[in-house]
Protein backbone atom coordinates (compact mmCIF):
# COMPACT_ATOMS: atom_id res chain seq x y z
CA MET A 1 52.47 -118.53 -77.93
CA LYS A 2 48.87 -119.74 -77.71
CA LEU A 3 46.21 -117.16 -78.59
CA ASP A 4 43.13 -116.66 -76.57
CA ALA A 5 40.05 -117.99 -78.40
CA LYS A 6 38.45 -114.59 -78.59
CA VAL A 7 41.54 -112.98 -80.02
CA LYS A 8 42.00 -115.87 -82.47
CA ALA A 9 38.42 -115.44 -83.63
CA LYS A 10 38.95 -111.69 -84.19
CA ILE A 11 42.16 -112.32 -86.16
CA GLU A 12 40.41 -114.96 -88.29
CA TYR A 13 37.54 -112.53 -88.93
CA GLU A 14 40.01 -109.82 -90.06
CA ILE A 15 41.73 -112.30 -92.38
CA VAL A 16 38.40 -113.35 -93.87
CA ARG A 17 37.62 -109.69 -94.53
CA ILE A 18 40.98 -109.20 -96.23
CA GLU A 19 40.44 -112.29 -98.40
CA LYS A 20 36.98 -111.02 -99.41
CA LEU A 21 38.32 -107.61 -100.19
CA LEU A 22 40.99 -109.13 -102.47
CA TYR A 23 38.48 -111.45 -104.11
CA ASP A 24 36.00 -108.67 -104.74
CA ALA A 25 38.80 -106.31 -106.03
CA LYS A 26 40.27 -108.86 -108.47
CA PRO A 27 38.37 -107.60 -111.54
CA LEU A 28 39.55 -104.01 -110.90
CA LEU A 29 43.13 -105.15 -110.12
CA ASP A 30 43.19 -107.29 -113.27
CA LEU A 31 41.92 -104.32 -115.34
CA CYS A 32 44.80 -102.16 -113.99
CA LYS A 33 47.27 -104.80 -115.22
CA ILE A 34 46.14 -104.53 -118.87
CA ARG A 35 45.55 -100.77 -119.19
CA GLU A 36 46.16 -97.59 -117.38
CA PRO A 37 43.29 -96.89 -114.97
CA ASP A 38 41.26 -93.77 -115.15
CA PHE A 39 40.73 -91.42 -112.17
CA VAL A 40 37.78 -93.38 -110.77
CA GLU A 41 39.65 -96.66 -111.05
CA ILE A 42 42.72 -95.14 -109.42
CA THR A 43 40.56 -93.83 -106.57
CA ALA A 44 38.87 -97.21 -106.11
CA THR A 45 42.29 -98.93 -106.15
CA ALA A 46 43.63 -96.55 -103.55
CA GLN A 47 40.66 -97.33 -101.32
CA ILE A 48 41.29 -101.06 -101.76
CA ILE A 49 44.95 -100.55 -100.75
CA HIS A 50 43.84 -98.51 -97.76
CA SER A 51 41.40 -101.17 -96.62
CA PHE A 52 44.00 -103.88 -97.11
CA TYR A 53 46.46 -101.96 -94.98
CA ASN A 54 43.89 -101.34 -92.28
CA GLY A 55 43.08 -105.11 -92.15
CA ILE A 56 46.71 -106.04 -91.82
CA GLU A 57 47.21 -103.38 -89.16
CA SER A 58 44.21 -104.77 -87.20
CA VAL A 59 45.69 -108.29 -87.31
CA VAL A 60 49.10 -107.13 -86.14
CA THR A 61 47.60 -105.01 -83.39
CA LEU A 62 45.44 -107.82 -82.10
CA PHE A 63 48.42 -110.18 -82.12
CA LEU A 64 50.75 -107.75 -80.34
CA LYS A 65 48.14 -106.85 -77.67
CA SER A 66 47.51 -110.52 -77.03
CA ALA A 67 51.29 -111.01 -76.50
CA ASN A 68 51.25 -108.08 -74.07
CA GLN A 69 53.51 -106.06 -76.39
CA LYS A 70 53.41 -102.30 -76.50
CA VAL A 71 51.49 -101.03 -79.46
CA PRO A 72 52.49 -97.61 -80.78
CA ASP A 73 49.91 -94.89 -80.35
CA ASN A 74 48.66 -93.21 -83.55
CA THR A 75 48.74 -89.71 -82.10
């Protein structure tokens, strides 16, 4: 399947955002590997995981909609 240029650009943008998120989060994630995180670090890590999930969800949604596939409603 060939993606429309606009959809492809949106997907690429989301992927760049995910990559930046992971790059920016690396110091915190590395810290969590060597010691147990405190409350603030756990909260920050949870936000990173949430943002990562949302980015992946956006990519999948864009792809499915471009393939004229039904996307489940969040309600």
